[in-house]
C-alpha atoms as a PDB file:
ATOM      1  CA  MET A   1      -3.272 -11.989  -2.231  1.00  0.00           C
ATOM      2  CA  HIS A   2      -2.836 -15.335  -4.013  1.00  0.00           C
ATOM      3  CA  TYR A   3      -2.432 -13.617  -7.392  1.00  0.00           C
ATOM      4  CA  ARG A   4       0.529 -11.680  -5.996  1.00  0.00           C
ATOM      5  CA  THR A   5       2.243 -14.607  -4.287  1.00  0.00           C
ATOM      6  CA  GLN A   6       1.568 -17.627  -6.544  1.00  0.00           C
ATOM      7  CA  ALA A   7       3.702 -17.796  -9.696  1.00  0.00           C
ATOM      8  CA  GLY A   8       1.715 -18.827 -12.759  1.00  0.00           C
ATOM      9  CA  LEU A   9      -1.708 -18.250 -11.164  1.00  0.00           C
ATOM     10  CA  THR A  10      -4.082 -17.254 -13.955  1.00  0.00           C
ATOM     11  CA  GLN A  11      -7.584 -17.662 -12.493  1.00  0.00           C
ATOM     12  CA  VAL A  12      -9.292 -18.159  -9.127  1.00  0.00           C
ATOM     13  CA  PHE A  13     -12.869 -19.380  -8.682  1.00  0.00           C
ATOM     14  CA  SER A  14     -15.005 -19.994  -5.627  1.00  0.00           C
ATOM     15  CA  LEU A  15     -16.176 -23.565  -5.110  1.00  0.00           C
ATOM     16  CA  ARG A  16     -19.757 -24.045  -3.976  1.00  0.00           C
ATOM     17  CA  SER A  17     -21.546 -26.928  -2.303  1.00  0.00           C
ATOM     18  CA  PRO A  18     -25.268 -27.614  -1.889  1.00  0.00           C
ATOM     19  CA  THR A  19     -24.620 -27.980   1.851  1.00  0.00           C
ATOM     20  CA  ASP A  20     -22.847 -24.609   2.324  1.00  0.00           C
ATOM     21  CA  THR A  21     -23.576 -22.648   5.482  1.00  0.00           C
ATOM     22  CA  ASP A  22     -22.066 -19.517   7.025  1.00  0.00           C
ATOM     23  CA  ALA A  23     -19.680 -21.845   8.888  1.00  0.00           C
ATOM     24  CA  SER A  24     -18.420 -23.580   5.717  1.00  0.00           C
ATOM     25  CA  PRO A  25     -14.766 -23.042   4.840  1.00  0.00           C
ATOM     26  CA  VAL A  26     -13.820 -20.749   1.998  1.00  0.00           C
ATOM     27  CA  ARG A  27     -13.108 -23.024  -0.986  1.00  0.00           C
ATOM     28  CA  LEU A  28     -11.064 -21.870  -3.962  1.00  0.00           C
ATOM     29  CA  LEU A  29     -10.183 -23.457  -7.289  1.00  0.00           C
ATOM     30  CA  GLU A  30      -6.888 -21.998  -8.504  1.00  0.00           C
ATOM     31  CA  VAL A  31      -5.733 -22.432 -12.108  1.00  0.00           C
ATOM     32  CA  VAL A  32      -1.921 -22.386 -12.105  1.00  0.00           C
ATOM     33  CA  GLU A  33       0.271 -22.708 -15.190  1.00  0.00           C
ATOM     34  CA  ASP A  34       3.353 -23.599 -13.110  1.00  0.00           C
ATOM     35  CA  THR A  35       1.865 -26.551 -11.222  1.00  0.00           C
ATOM     36  CA  VAL A  36       2.027 -30.300 -11.839  1.00  0.00           C
ATOM     37  CA  ALA A  37      -1.047 -32.158 -13.053  1.00  0.00           C
ATOM     38  CA  ALA A  38      -2.024 -34.221 -10.017  1.00  0.00           C
ATOM     39  CA  GLY A  39      -5.803 -34.389 -10.236  1.00  0.00           C
ATOM     40  CA  ILE A  40      -8.177 -32.931  -7.683  1.00  0.00           C
ATOM     41  CA  ILE A  41      -6.433 -32.712  -4.304  1.00  0.00           C
ATOM     42  CA  PRO A  42      -8.179 -30.390  -1.816  1.00  0.00           C
ATOM     43  CA  LEU A  43      -5.759 -28.852   0.691  1.00  0.00           C
ATOM     44  CA  GLY A  44      -7.281 -27.603   3.942  1.00  0.00           C
ATOM     45  CA  PHE A  45      -5.944 -24.643   5.916  1.00  0.00           C
ATOM     46  CA  ARG A  46      -6.930 -23.649   9.433  1.00  0.00           C
ATOM     47  CA  LEU A  47      -7.718 -20.142  10.500  1.00  0.00           C
ATOM     48  CA  ILE A  48      -4.812 -18.041  11.755  1.00  0.00           C
ATOM     49  CA  PRO A  49      -6.228 -14.763  13.123  1.00  0.00           C
ATOM     50  CA  ALA A  50      -2.767 -13.311  13.813  1.00  0.00           C
ATOM     51  CA  LEU A  51      -2.087 -13.447  10.053  1.00  0.00           C
ATOM     52  CA  GLY A  52      -5.499 -12.087   9.115  1.00  0.00           C
ATOM     53  CA  ILE A  53      -6.831 -15.509   8.093  1.00  0.00           C
ATOM     54  CA  THR A  54     -10.154 -15.479   9.899  1.00  0.00           C
ATOM     55  CA  LEU A  55     -11.883 -18.408   8.186  1.00  0.00           C
ATOM     56  CA  PRO A  56     -10.770 -21.961   7.447  1.00  0.00           C
ATOM     57  CA  SER A  57     -10.151 -22.562   3.754  1.00  0.00           C
ATOM     58  CA  VAL A  58      -9.696 -25.279   1.163  1.00  0.00           C
ATOM     59  CA  ILE A  59      -7.689 -24.757  -2.016  1.00  0.00           C
ATOM     60  CA  VAL A  60      -7.707 -26.981  -5.082  1.00  0.00           C
ATOM     61  CA  GLU A  61      -4.834 -26.140  -7.448  1.00  0.00           C
ATOM     62  CA  VAL A  62      -5.097 -27.394 -11.030  1.00  0.00           C
ATOM     63  CA  THR A  63      -3.337 -26.911 -14.348  1.00  0.00           C
ATOM     64  CA  PRO A  64      -5.159 -25.111 -17.182  1.00  0.00           C
ATOM     65  CA  GLU A  65      -5.680 -28.518 -18.837  1.00  0.00           C
ATOM     66  CA  GLU A  66      -7.214 -29.983 -15.654  1.00  0.00           C
ATOM     67  CA  TYR A  67      -9.459 -26.933 -15.363  1.00  0.00           C
ATOM     68  CA  GLN A  68     -10.726 -27.588 -18.894  1.00  0.00           C
ATOM     69  CA  GLN A  69     -11.294 -31.252 -17.987  1.00  0.00           C
ATOM     70  CA  ILE A  70     -13.428 -30.120 -15.030  1.00  0.00           C
ATOM     71  CA  ARG A  71     -15.410 -27.850 -17.357  1.00  0.00           C
ATOM     72  CA  ASP A  72     -15.817 -30.739 -19.821  1.00  0.00           C
ATOM     73  CA  ASN A  73     -16.957 -33.098 -16.997  1.00  0.00           C
ATOM     74  CA  LYS A  74     -13.927 -35.350 -17.503  1.00  0.00           C
ATOM     75  CA  LEU A  75     -12.595 -34.570 -14.006  1.00  0.00           C
ATOM     76  CA  THR A  76     -15.005 -34.414 -11.090  1.00  0.00           C
ATOM     77  CA  LEU A  77     -14.836 -32.145  -8.066  1.00  0.00           C
ATOM     78  CA  PRO A  78     -15.482 -33.891  -4.716  1.00  0.00           C
ATOM     79  CA  HIS A  79     -18.467 -33.480  -2.386  1.00  0.00           C
ATOM     80  CA  GLU A  80     -20.794 -32.217  -5.143  1.00  0.00           C
ATOM     81  CA  TRP A  81     -18.753 -29.024  -5.371  1.00  0.00           C
ATOM     82  CA  THR A  82     -19.392 -26.780  -8.346  1.00  0.00           C
ATOM     83  CA  ILE A  83     -17.402 -23.899  -9.767  1.00  0.00           C
ATOM     84  CA  GLY A  84     -18.793 -20.557  -8.641  1.00  0.00           C
ATOM     85  CA  GLU A  85     -17.861 -17.049  -9.623  1.00  0.00           C
ATOM     86  CA  GLU A  86     -14.412 -16.048 -10.796  1.00  0.00           C
ATOM     87  CA  ILE A  87     -12.466 -13.949  -8.317  1.00  0.00           C
ATOM     88  CA  PRO A  88     -10.579 -11.363 -10.375  1.00  0.00           C
ATOM     89  CA  LEU A  89      -7.214  -9.838  -9.626  1.00  0.00           C
ATOM     90  CA  GLN A  90      -7.860  -6.631  -7.713  1.00  0.00           C
ATOM     91  CA  THR A  91      -5.708  -3.802  -8.959  1.00  0.00           C
ATOM     92  CA  VAL A  92      -5.002  -1.182  -6.334  1.00  0.00           C
END
């Protein structure tokens, strides 16, 4: 859904933590060409069942340059988070 609604979104990755459990929020790293470089700022969202959002989530939006800095270990994700698998655009 984010690929369809977020202008400039080029990639989405899961974020993992060594302390993850089934109750952990969904965490996403979103690489967005049309965003402002602001560093790593996790934004939390509560669950809203009426809108189909059944789990709490955290989104970190970064520029392509910031994403590369994370990959190069020049920017650090909080809470020992690591980049997980890429979530591709689903074509229907």
